[in-house]
Amino acid sequence: MPLTMANAGEANVIKKVGGREETKRFLGNLGFVPGCSVTVVSEINGNLIVHVKDARVAIGRDMANKIMV
């Protein structure tokens, strides 16, 4: 399921990162790599604040839909 459907506070493991090559590279640089744990902190109007690799990152709904957990 896409990251946008994950419940807040629930730890998930990233299964796959989709999108074009530059999108995958951008998300990978932020820490969104397969096998990594990610937790949704909060959701506001579809945009997410997530905890990944000891950092909090804000991502838009379109990017979050490319991350499968």
PDB file of N, CA and C in Angstrom:
ATOM      1  N   MET A   1       0.846  -1.181   0.000  1.00  0.00           N
ATOM      2  CA  MET A   1       0.000   0.000   0.000  1.00  0.00           C
ATOM      3  C   MET A   1       0.891   1.244   0.000  1.00  0.00           C
ATOM      4  N   PRO A   2       0.404   2.344  -0.550  1.00  0.00           N
ATOM      5  CA  PRO A   2       1.211   3.569  -0.539  1.00  0.00           C
ATOM      6  C   PRO A   2       1.313   4.162   0.866  1.00  0.00           C
ATOM      7  N   LEU A   3       2.353   4.910   1.087  1.00  0.00           N
ATOM      8  CA  LEU A   3       2.608   5.513   2.396  1.00  0.00           C
ATOM      9  C   LEU A   3       1.462   6.416   2.842  1.00  0.00           C
ATOM     10  N   THR A   4       0.733   6.997   1.910  1.00  0.00           N
ATOM     11  CA  THR A   4      -0.384   7.882   2.262  1.00  0.00           C
ATOM     12  C   THR A   4      -1.496   7.150   3.003  1.00  0.00           C
ATOM     13  N   MET A   5      -1.563   5.827   2.881  1.00  0.00           N
ATOM     14  CA  MET A   5      -2.603   5.044   3.545  1.00  0.00           C
ATOM     15  C   MET A   5      -2.164   4.507   4.908  1.00  0.00           C
ATOM     16  N   ALA A   6      -0.910   4.715   5.284  1.00  0.00           N
ATOM     17  CA  ALA A   6      -0.407   4.232   6.577  1.00  0.00           C
ATOM     18  C   ALA A   6      -0.989   5.064   7.711  1.00  0.00           C
ATOM     19  N   ASN A   7      -1.200   4.420   8.838  1.00  0.00           N
ATOM     20  CA  ASN A   7      -1.733   5.108  10.017  1.00  0.00           C
ATOM     21  C   ASN A   7      -0.624   5.869  10.732  1.00  0.00           C
ATOM     22  N   ALA A   8      -0.966   7.028  11.294  1.00  0.00           N
ATOM     23  CA  ALA A   8       0.004   7.827  12.047  1.00  0.00           C
ATOM     24  C   ALA A   8       0.471   7.059  13.274  1.00  0.00           C
ATOM     25  N   GLY A   9       1.765   7.093  13.548  1.00  0.00           N
ATOM     26  CA  GLY A   9       2.339   6.433  14.713  1.00  0.00           C
ATOM     27  C   GLY A   9       2.679   4.974  14.506  1.00  0.00           C
ATOM     28  N   GLU A  10       2.337   4.418  13.363  1.00  0.00           N
ATOM     29  CA  GLU A  10       2.578   3.004  13.080  1.00  0.00           C
ATOM     30  C   GLU A  10       3.855   2.862  12.256  1.00  0.00           C
ATOM     31  N   ALA A  11       4.782   2.033  12.738  1.00  0.00           N
ATOM     32  CA  ALA A  11       6.034   1.815  12.011  1.00  0.00           C
ATOM     33  C   ALA A  11       5.778   0.896  10.817  1.00  0.00           C
ATOM     34  N   ASN A  12       6.314   1.245   9.674  1.00  0.00           N
ATOM     35  CA  ASN A  12       6.187   0.453   8.449  1.00  0.00           C
ATOM     36  C   ASN A  12       7.558   0.271   7.829  1.00  0.00           C
ATOM     37  N   VAL A  13       7.693  -0.761   7.013  1.00  0.00           N
ATOM     38  CA  VAL A  13       8.937  -1.012   6.292  1.00  0.00           C
ATOM     39  C   VAL A  13       8.697  -0.693   4.820  1.00  0.00           C
ATOM     40  N   ILE A  14       9.607   0.054   4.225  1.00  0.00           N
ATOM     41  CA  ILE A  14       9.487   0.424   2.820  1.00  0.00           C
ATOM     42  C   ILE A  14       9.766  -0.809   1.965  1.00  0.00           C
ATOM     43  N   LYS A  15       8.819  -1.144   1.096  1.00  0.00           N
ATOM     44  CA  LYS A  15       8.959  -2.297   0.204  1.00  0.00           C
ATOM     45  C   LYS A  15       9.532  -1.889  -1.148  1.00  0.00           C
ATOM     46  N   LYS A  16       9.068  -0.735  -1.673  1.00  0.00           N
ATOM     47  CA  LYS A  16       9.459  -0.320  -3.016  1.00  0.00           C
ATOM     48  C   LYS A  16       9.291   1.187  -3.146  1.00  0.00           C
ATOM     49  N   VAL A  17      10.163   1.808  -3.921  1.00  0.00           N
ATOM     50  CA  VAL A  17      10.039   3.222  -4.246  1.00  0.00           C
ATOM     51  C   VAL A  17       9.856   3.322  -5.751  1.00  0.00           C
ATOM     52  N   GLY A  18       8.729   3.894  -6.177  1.00  0.00           N
ATOM     53  CA  GLY A  18       8.417   3.989  -7.599  1.00  0.00           C
ATOM     54  C   GLY A  18       8.726   5.354  -8.160  1.00  0.00           C
ATOM     55  N   GLY A  19       8.326   5.552  -9.416  1.00  0.00           N
ATOM     56  CA  GLY A  19       8.535   6.839 -10.070  1.00  0.00           C
ATOM     57  C   GLY A  19       9.697   6.809 -11.038  1.00  0.00           C
ATOM     58  N   ARG A  20       9.980   7.984 -11.605  1.00  0.00           N
ATOM     59  CA  ARG A  20      11.102   8.100 -12.529  1.00  0.00           C
ATOM     60  C   ARG A  20      12.420   7.997 -11.775  1.00  0.00           C
ATOM     61  N   GLU A  21      13.499   7.826 -12.520  1.00  0.00           N
ATOM     62  CA  GLU A  21      14.817   7.611 -11.903  1.00  0.00           C
ATOM     63  C   GLU A  21      15.232   8.776 -11.013  1.00  0.00           C
ATOM     64  N   GLU A  22      14.982  10.014 -11.439  1.00  0.00           N
ATOM     65  CA  GLU A  22      15.371  11.161 -10.613  1.00  0.00           C
ATOM     66  C   GLU A  22      14.522  11.239  -9.341  1.00  0.00           C
ATOM     67  N   THR A  23      13.268  10.784  -9.419  1.00  0.00           N
ATOM     68  CA  THR A  23      12.410  10.747  -8.232  1.00  0.00           C
ATOM     69  C   THR A  23      12.937   9.719  -7.233  1.00  0.00           C
ATOM     70  N   LYS A  24      13.307   8.544  -7.731  1.00  0.00           N
ATOM     71  CA  LYS A  24      13.861   7.493  -6.863  1.00  0.00           C
ATOM     72  C   LYS A  24      15.152   7.970  -6.198  1.00  0.00           C
ATOM     73  N   ARG A  25      15.992   8.647  -6.974  1.00  0.00           N
ATOM     74  CA  ARG A  25      17.264   9.146  -6.442  1.00  0.00           C
ATOM     75  C   ARG A  25      17.016  10.205  -5.369  1.00  0.00           C
ATOM     76  N   PHE A  26      16.066  11.123  -5.625  1.00  0.00           N
ATOM     77  CA  PHE A  26      15.734  12.170  -4.663  1.00  0.00           C
ATOM     78  C   PHE A  26      15.229  11.562  -3.356  1.00  0.00           C
ATOM     79  N   LEU A  27      14.282  10.624  -3.447  1.00  0.00           N
ATOM     80  CA  LEU A  27      13.741   9.989  -2.244  1.00  0.00           C
ATOM     81  C   LEU A  27      14.804   9.157  -1.537  1.00  0.00           C
ATOM     82  N   GLY A  28      15.670   8.495  -2.300  1.00  0.00           N
ATOM     83  CA  GLY A  28      16.761   7.716  -1.705  1.00  0.00           C
ATOM     84  C   GLY A  28      17.714   8.595  -0.920  1.00  0.00           C
ATOM     85  N   ASN A  29      17.994   9.800  -1.423  1.00  0.00           N
ATOM     86  CA  ASN A  29      18.865  10.735  -0.709  1.00  0.00           C
ATOM     87  C   ASN A  29      18.238  11.214   0.593  1.00  0.00           C
ATOM     88  N   LEU A  30      16.902  11.234   0.646  1.00  0.00           N
ATOM     89  CA  LEU A  30      16.210  11.615   1.879  1.00  0.00           C
ATOM     90  C   LEU A  30      16.139  10.459   2.882  1.00  0.00           C
ATOM     91  N   GLY A  31      16.471   9.241   2.438  1.00  0.00           N
ATOM     92  CA  GLY A  31      16.448   8.085   3.328  1.00  0.00           C
ATOM     93  C   GLY A  31      15.355   7.089   3.029  1.00  0.00           C
ATOM     94  N   PHE A  32      14.573   7.325   1.988  1.00  0.00           N
ATOM     95  CA  PHE A  32      13.497   6.414   1.615  1.00  0.00           C
ATOM     96  C   PHE A  32      14.046   5.326   0.699  1.00  0.00           C
ATOM     97  N   VAL A  33      14.587   4.271   1.308  1.00  0.00           N
ATOM     98  CA  VAL A  33      15.144   3.148   0.563  1.00  0.00           C
ATOM     99  C   VAL A  33      14.444   1.867   1.008  1.00  0.00           C
ATOM    100  N   PRO A  34      14.295   0.892   0.100  1.00  0.00           N
ATOM    101  CA  PRO A  34      13.646  -0.366   0.480  1.00  0.00           C
ATOM    102  C   PRO A  34      14.338  -1.028   1.674  1.00  0.00           C
ATOM    103  N   GLY A  35      13.525  -1.538   2.605  1.00  0.00           N
ATOM    104  CA  GLY A  35      14.034  -2.187   3.805  1.00  0.00           C
ATOM    105  C   GLY A  35      14.148  -1.263   4.995  1.00  0.00           C
ATOM    106  N   CYS A  36      14.029   0.030   4.768  1.00  0.00           N
ATOM    107  CA  CYS A  36      14.151   1.018   5.833  1.00  0.00           C
ATOM    108  C   CYS A  36      12.809   1.202   6.541  1.00  0.00           C
ATOM    109  N   SER A  37      12.863   1.501   7.834  1.00  0.00           N
ATOM    110  CA  SER A  37      11.651   1.736   8.607  1.00  0.00           C
ATOM    111  C   SER A  37      11.225   3.191   8.482  1.00  0.00           C
ATOM    112  N   VAL A  38       9.903   3.395   8.353  1.00  0.00           N
ATOM    113  CA  VAL A  38       9.347   4.740   8.232  1.00  0.00           C
ATOM    114  C   VAL A  38       8.070   4.818   9.055  1.00  0.00           C
ATOM    115  N   THR A  39       7.890   5.940   9.762  1.00  0.00           N
ATOM    116  CA  THR A  39       6.713   6.147  10.595  1.00  0.00           C
ATOM    117  C   THR A  39       6.069   7.481  10.229  1.00  0.00           C
ATOM    118  N   VAL A  40       4.773   7.455   9.985  1.00  0.00           N
ATOM    119  CA  VAL A  40       4.036   8.691   9.701  1.00  0.00           C
ATOM    120  C   VAL A  40       3.800   9.407  11.028  1.00  0.00           C
ATOM    121  N   VAL A  41       4.281  10.642  11.138  1.00  0.00           N
ATOM    122  CA  VAL A  41       4.101  11.432  12.352  1.00  0.00           C
ATOM    123  C   VAL A  41       2.762  12.140  12.310  1.00  0.00           C
ATOM    124  N   SER A  42       2.481  12.821  11.195  1.00  0.00           N
ATOM    125  CA  SER A  42       1.184  13.496  11.048  1.00  0.00           C
ATOM    126  C   SER A  42       0.857  13.689   9.577  1.00  0.00           C
ATOM    127  N   GLU A  43      -0.425  13.985   9.326  1.00  0.00           N
ATOM    128  CA  GLU A  43      -0.913  14.203   7.969  1.00  0.00           C
ATOM    129  C   GLU A  43      -1.772  15.453   7.970  1.00  0.00           C
ATOM    130  N   ILE A  44      -1.444  16.388   7.062  1.00  0.00           N
ATOM    131  CA  ILE A  44      -2.197  17.632   6.947  1.00  0.00           C
ATOM    132  C   ILE A  44      -2.518  17.843   5.473  1.00  0.00           C
ATOM    133  N   ASN A  45      -3.804  17.805   5.134  1.00  0.00           N
ATOM    134  CA  ASN A  45      -4.260  18.003   3.754  1.00  0.00           C
ATOM    135  C   ASN A  45      -3.565  17.077   2.755  1.00  0.00           C
ATOM    136  N   GLY A  46      -3.285  15.855   3.167  1.00  0.00           N
ATOM    137  CA  GLY A  46      -2.646  14.890   2.277  1.00  0.00           C
ATOM    138  C   GLY A  46      -1.135  14.917   2.313  1.00  0.00           C
ATOM    139  N   ASN A  47      -0.538  15.982   2.821  1.00  0.00           N
ATOM    140  CA  ASN A  47       0.913  16.060   2.963  1.00  0.00           C
ATOM    141  C   ASN A  47       1.312  15.381   4.265  1.00  0.00           C
ATOM    142  N   LEU A  48       2.454  14.703   4.241  1.00  0.00           N
ATOM    143  CA  LEU A  48       2.870  13.902   5.390  1.00  0.00           C
ATOM    144  C   LEU A  48       4.140  14.428   6.027  1.00  0.00           C
ATOM    145  N   ILE A  49       4.220  14.282   7.342  1.00  0.00           N
ATOM    146  CA  ILE A  49       5.470  14.442   8.074  1.00  0.00           C
ATOM    147  C   ILE A  49       5.813  13.038   8.554  1.00  0.00           C
ATOM    148  N   VAL A  50       6.979  12.558   8.137  1.00  0.00           N
ATOM    149  CA  VAL A  50       7.374  11.186   8.453  1.00  0.00           C
ATOM    150  C   VAL A  50       8.706  11.168   9.177  1.00  0.00           C
ATOM    151  N   HIS A  51       8.904  10.127   9.961  1.00  0.00           N
ATOM    152  CA  HIS A  51      10.164   9.909  10.665  1.00  0.00           C
ATOM    153  C   HIS A  51      10.896   8.794   9.936  1.00  0.00           C
ATOM    154  N   VAL A  52      12.048   9.122   9.355  1.00  0.00           N
ATOM    155  CA  VAL A  52      12.842   8.146   8.620  1.00  0.00           C
ATOM    156  C   VAL A  52      14.315   8.395   8.926  1.00  0.00           C
ATOM    157  N   LYS A  53      15.033   7.344   9.285  1.00  0.00           N
ATOM    158  CA  LYS A  53      16.474   7.424   9.581  1.00  0.00           C
ATOM    159  C   LYS A  53      16.802   8.545  10.567  1.00  0.00           C
ATOM    160  N   ASP A  54      16.152   8.558  11.703  1.00  0.00           N
ATOM    161  CA  ASP A  54      16.392   9.528  12.780  1.00  0.00           C
ATOM    162  C   ASP A  54      16.200  10.984  12.352  1.00  0.00           C
ATOM    163  N   ALA A  55      15.337  11.217  11.381  1.00  0.00           N
ATOM    164  CA  ALA A  55      15.034  12.588  10.939  1.00  0.00           C
ATOM    165  C   ALA A  55      13.555  12.684  10.600  1.00  0.00           C
ATOM    166  N   ARG A  56      13.016  13.876  10.731  1.00  0.00           N
ATOM    167  CA  ARG A  56      11.639  14.125  10.309  1.00  0.00           C
ATOM    168  C   ARG A  56      11.681  14.834   8.971  1.00  0.00           C
ATOM    169  N   VAL A  57      10.886  14.317   8.041  1.00  0.00           N
ATOM    170  CA  VAL A  57      10.876  14.847   6.685  1.00  0.00           C
ATOM    171  C   VAL A  57       9.430  15.117   6.286  1.00  0.00           C
ATOM    172  N   ALA A  58       9.178  16.248   5.657  1.00  0.00           N
ATOM    173  CA  ALA A  58       7.849  16.565   5.123  1.00  0.00           C
ATOM    174  C   ALA A  58       7.850  16.264   3.634  1.00  0.00           C
ATOM    175  N   ILE A  59       6.853  15.489   3.191  1.00  0.00           N
ATOM    176  CA  ILE A  59       6.741  15.177   1.765  1.00  0.00           C
ATOM    177  C   ILE A  59       5.300  15.367   1.322  1.00  0.00           C
ATOM    178  N   GLY A  60       5.138  15.706   0.069  1.00  0.00           N
ATOM    179  CA  GLY A  60       3.813  15.908  -0.495  1.00  0.00           C
ATOM    180  C   GLY A  60       3.121  14.596  -0.799  1.00  0.00           C
ATOM    181  N   ARG A  61       1.829  14.687  -1.045  1.00  0.00           N
ATOM    182  CA  ARG A  61       1.015  13.503  -1.324  1.00  0.00           C
ATOM    183  C   ARG A  61       1.521  12.756  -2.561  1.00  0.00           C
ATOM    184  N   ASP A  62       1.914  13.473  -3.617  1.00  0.00           N
ATOM    185  CA  ASP A  62       2.367  12.801  -4.845  1.00  0.00           C
ATOM    186  C   ASP A  62       3.629  11.990  -4.614  1.00  0.00           C
ATOM    187  N   MET A  63       4.554  12.512  -3.824  1.00  0.00           N
ATOM    188  CA  MET A  63       5.764  11.752  -3.492  1.00  0.00           C
ATOM    189  C   MET A  63       5.449  10.574  -2.591  1.00  0.00           C
ATOM    190  N   ALA A  64       4.576  10.798  -1.613  1.00  0.00           N
ATOM    191  CA  ALA A  64       4.224   9.730  -0.667  1.00  0.00           C
ATOM    192  C   ALA A  64       3.519   8.578  -1.375  1.00  0.00           C
ATOM    193  N   ASN A  65       2.787   8.854  -2.438  1.00  0.00           N
ATOM    194  CA  ASN A  65       2.120   7.800  -3.189  1.00  0.00           C
ATOM    195  C   ASN A  65       3.093   6.902  -3.943  1.00  0.00           C
ATOM    196  N   LYS A  66       4.306   7.364  -4.164  1.00  0.00           N
ATOM    197  CA  LYS A  66       5.319   6.574  -4.858  1.00  0.00           C
ATOM    198  C   LYS A  66       6.072   5.634  -3.908  1.00  0.00           C
ATOM    199  N   ILE A  67       5.876   5.797  -2.590  1.00  0.00           N
ATOM    200  CA  ILE A  67       6.569   4.971  -1.596  1.00  0.00           C
ATOM    201  C   ILE A  67       5.607   3.882  -1.130  1.00  0.00           C
ATOM    202  N   MET A  68       5.950   2.626  -1.422  1.00  0.00           N
ATOM    203  CA  MET A  68       5.101   1.496  -1.023  1.00  0.00           C
ATOM    204  C   MET A  68       5.634   0.863   0.247  1.00  0.00           C
ATOM    205  N   VAL A  69       4.703   0.632   1.195  1.00  0.00           N
ATOM    206  CA  VAL A  69       5.073   0.001   2.471  1.00  0.00           C
ATOM    207  C   VAL A  69       4.308  -1.296   2.649  1.00  0.00           C
TER     208      VAL A  69
END
